[in-house]
Amino acid sequence: MSTMRFEDLASKIKKIDFCMLSTNDGMGKISSRPMSNNGDVEYDGDSWFFSYENTRKIGEIKGFEHVSLTFTEPPSLLGKPGIFIAIQGKASIVRDRTAFEEHWVSGLERWFPEGVDTTDLVLLKVVASSVYYWDGEENGEIAVPDR
């Protein structure tokens, strides 16, 4: 039986910057690519990622909203295994400037030079429906809180 609570998992995700986002191309192929949460990690079951709209991932999400996120934390220096987290959810594309401002963090200008005014900027929101974890000692599914 799992002893990890959602709050425990959220504190783990807070320390992991990159995850793999997997999408479905609608023809049986799964595509995966690294995404950064950009330090926007007060995890409540929703994940947020900036992107350009004219990308394959956004096109795939427009056709099939179900996605997967996988996070991995490396082992500790003391030898305790890291954690693997798999999140299944629905993705939506947000084009709201106010949402951009709420999720913007310093340093994103590297990829989006005009900040929240960058042409074709979108936010990808992934709402978790299920969360699984494996940490070398236990594994389980954690309920996502109602939001």
Protein backbone atom coordinates (compact mmCIF):
# COMPACT_ATOMS: atom_id res chain seq x y z
CA MET A 1 0.00 0.00 0.00
CA SER A 2 1.23 3.46 -0.91
CA THR A 3 2.23 5.76 1.92
CA MET A 4 3.09 8.73 -0.29
CA ARG A 5 0.59 11.56 -0.18
CA PHE A 6 -0.09 14.04 -2.96
CA GLU A 7 1.73 16.76 -0.97
CA ASP A 8 4.84 14.51 -0.78
CA LEU A 9 4.75 14.01 -4.52
CA ALA A 10 4.27 17.72 -5.15
CA SER A 11 7.40 18.50 -3.13
CA LYS A 12 9.36 15.98 -5.24
CA ILE A 13 8.11 17.47 -8.53
CA LYS A 14 9.09 20.93 -7.26
CA LYS A 15 12.76 19.87 -7.42
CA ILE A 16 12.61 18.41 -10.96
CA ASP A 17 12.89 20.97 -13.78
CA PHE A 18 12.58 18.76 -16.86
CA CYS A 19 10.11 16.08 -17.80
CA MET A 20 9.29 14.19 -20.95
CA LEU A 21 6.02 15.13 -22.65
CA SER A 22 4.55 12.34 -24.78
CA THR A 23 1.85 13.02 -27.34
CA ASN A 24 -0.05 10.87 -29.83
CA ASP A 25 0.21 11.71 -33.53
CA GLY A 26 -3.23 10.18 -34.17
CA MET A 27 -1.78 7.43 -36.38
CA GLY A 28 -0.41 5.14 -33.70
CA LYS A 29 2.92 6.85 -33.04
CA ILE A 30 3.92 8.33 -29.71
CA SER A 31 6.24 11.33 -29.77
CA SER A 32 8.25 12.39 -26.72
CA ARG A 33 10.31 15.47 -26.06
CA PRO A 34 11.84 17.17 -23.01
CA MET A 35 9.95 20.11 -21.55
CA SER A 36 10.91 22.47 -18.75
CA ASN A 37 8.41 23.55 -16.14
CA ASN A 38 10.55 26.71 -15.81
CA GLY A 39 10.40 26.68 -12.04
CA ASP A 40 6.58 26.90 -12.14
CA VAL A 41 6.31 24.01 -9.74
CA GLU A 42 3.72 24.65 -7.07
CA TYR A 43 2.20 21.40 -8.26
CA ASP A 44 -1.54 21.07 -7.69
CA GLY A 45 -2.25 18.56 -10.45
CA ASP A 46 -1.76 21.05 -13.28
CA SER A 47 1.49 21.39 -15.22
CA TRP A 48 2.33 24.43 -17.35
CA PHE A 49 4.76 24.72 -20.28
CA PHE A 50 5.44 27.54 -22.71
CA SER A 51 5.73 26.73 -26.41
CA TYR A 52 5.41 28.17 -29.86
CA GLU A 53 2.06 27.32 -31.39
CA ASN A 54 3.52 26.22 -34.72
CA THR A 55 5.17 23.04 -33.38
CA ARG A 56 4.48 19.36 -33.92
CA LYS A 57 3.57 18.83 -30.24
CA ILE A 58 0.87 21.52 -30.36
CA GLY A 59 -0.48 20.09 -33.62
CA GLU A 60 -0.65 16.63 -32.07
CA ILE A 61 -2.40 17.96 -28.97
CA LYS A 62 -4.97 19.74 -31.15
CA GLY A 63 -5.79 16.31 -32.60
CA PHE A 64 -5.54 14.21 -29.44
CA GLU A 65 -5.58 15.89 -26.03
CA HIS A 66 -4.45 12.90 -23.93
CA VAL A 67 -0.77 13.18 -22.99
CA SER A 68 1.76 11.72 -20.61
CA LEU A 69 4.43 13.44 -18.51
CA THR A 70 7.33 11.53 -16.97
CA PHE A 71 9.59 13.03 -14.31
CA THR A 72 12.78 11.43 -12.99
CA GLU A 73 14.79 12.44 -9.93
CA PRO A 74 18.31 10.97 -9.78
CA PRO A 75 19.50 8.88 -6.81
CA SER A 76 20.69 10.80 -3.78
CA LEU A 77 24.36 11.08 -2.87
CA LEU A 78 23.64 8.70 -0.01
CA GLY A 79 22.50 5.98 -2.41
CA LYS A 80 18.74 6.27 -1.91
CA PRO A 81 17.06 5.62 -5.26
CA GLY A 82 15.50 8.53 -7.07
CA ILE A 83 11.86 8.67 -8.01
CA PHE A 84 10.04 8.06 -11.27
CA ILE A 85 6.70 9.82 -11.73
CA ALA A 86 4.26 9.15 -14.57
CA ILE A 87 1.34 11.52 -15.05
CA GLN A 88 -1.51 10.91 -17.47
CA GLY A 89 -3.70 13.86 -18.30
CA LYS A 90 -5.46 16.09 -20.76
CA ALA A 91 -3.64 18.94 -22.43
CA SER A 92 -5.14 22.22 -23.50
CA ILE A 93 -3.65 25.17 -25.32
CA VAL A 94 -3.93 28.53 -23.56
CA ARG A 95 -3.59 31.74 -25.55
CA ASP A 96 -4.41 34.19 -22.76
CA ARG A 97 -1.85 36.93 -22.08
CA THR A 98 -2.92 37.15 -18.42
CA ALA A 99 -2.10 33.44 -18.02
CA PHE A 100 1.25 34.04 -19.73
CA GLU A 101 2.06 36.72 -17.17
CA GLU A 102 0.99 34.49 -14.26
CA HIS A 103 3.35 31.69 -15.35
CA TRP A 104 6.25 33.72 -16.78
CA VAL A 105 9.60 33.41 -15.01
CA SER A 106 12.90 35.17 -15.57
CA GLY A 107 15.12 33.41 -18.07
CA LEU A 108 12.38 32.40 -20.51
CA GLU A 109 13.51 35.22 -22.79
CA ARG A 110 16.22 32.83 -23.95
CA TRP A 111 13.59 30.91 -25.91
CA PHE A 112 10.89 33.57 -26.21
CA PRO A 113 12.76 36.84 -26.89
CA GLU A 114 9.76 39.21 -26.73
CA GLY A 115 8.53 37.79 -23.43
CA VAL A 116 4.77 37.39 -23.12
CA ASP A 117 4.42 39.34 -26.37
CA THR A 118 6.35 36.75 -28.39
CA THR A 119 4.53 35.97 -31.64
CA ASP A 120 2.84 32.52 -31.61
CA LEU A 121 3.44 32.05 -27.86
CA VAL A 122 1.10 29.60 -26.15
CA LEU A 123 0.90 27.92 -22.78
CA LEU A 124 0.35 24.22 -22.63
CA LYS A 125 -1.69 23.18 -19.58
CA VAL A 126 -1.76 19.52 -18.59
CA VAL A 127 -4.45 18.56 -16.08
CA ALA A 128 -3.54 15.29 -14.39
CA SER A 129 -6.06 12.46 -14.31
CA SER A 130 -3.72 9.87 -12.78
CA VAL A 131 -0.31 9.96 -11.10
CA TYR A 132 1.91 6.91 -10.57
CA TYR A 133 5.29 6.76 -8.88
CA TRP A 134 8.14 4.34 -8.22
CA ASP A 135 10.90 5.25 -5.77
CA GLY A 136 12.88 2.03 -5.30
CA GLU A 137 11.14 1.28 -2.02
CA GLU A 138 7.49 1.51 -2.93
CA ASN A 139 5.20 2.39 -5.79
CA GLY A 140 1.61 3.35 -6.23
CA GLU A 141 -1.01 5.62 -7.62
CA ILE A 142 -1.79 8.90 -5.92
CA ALA A 143 -5.18 10.56 -6.15
CA VAL A 144 -5.17 13.98 -7.75
CA PRO A 145 -7.02 16.52 -5.60
CA ASP A 146 -10.19 18.06 -6.99
CA ARG A 147 -9.58 21.54 -8.30
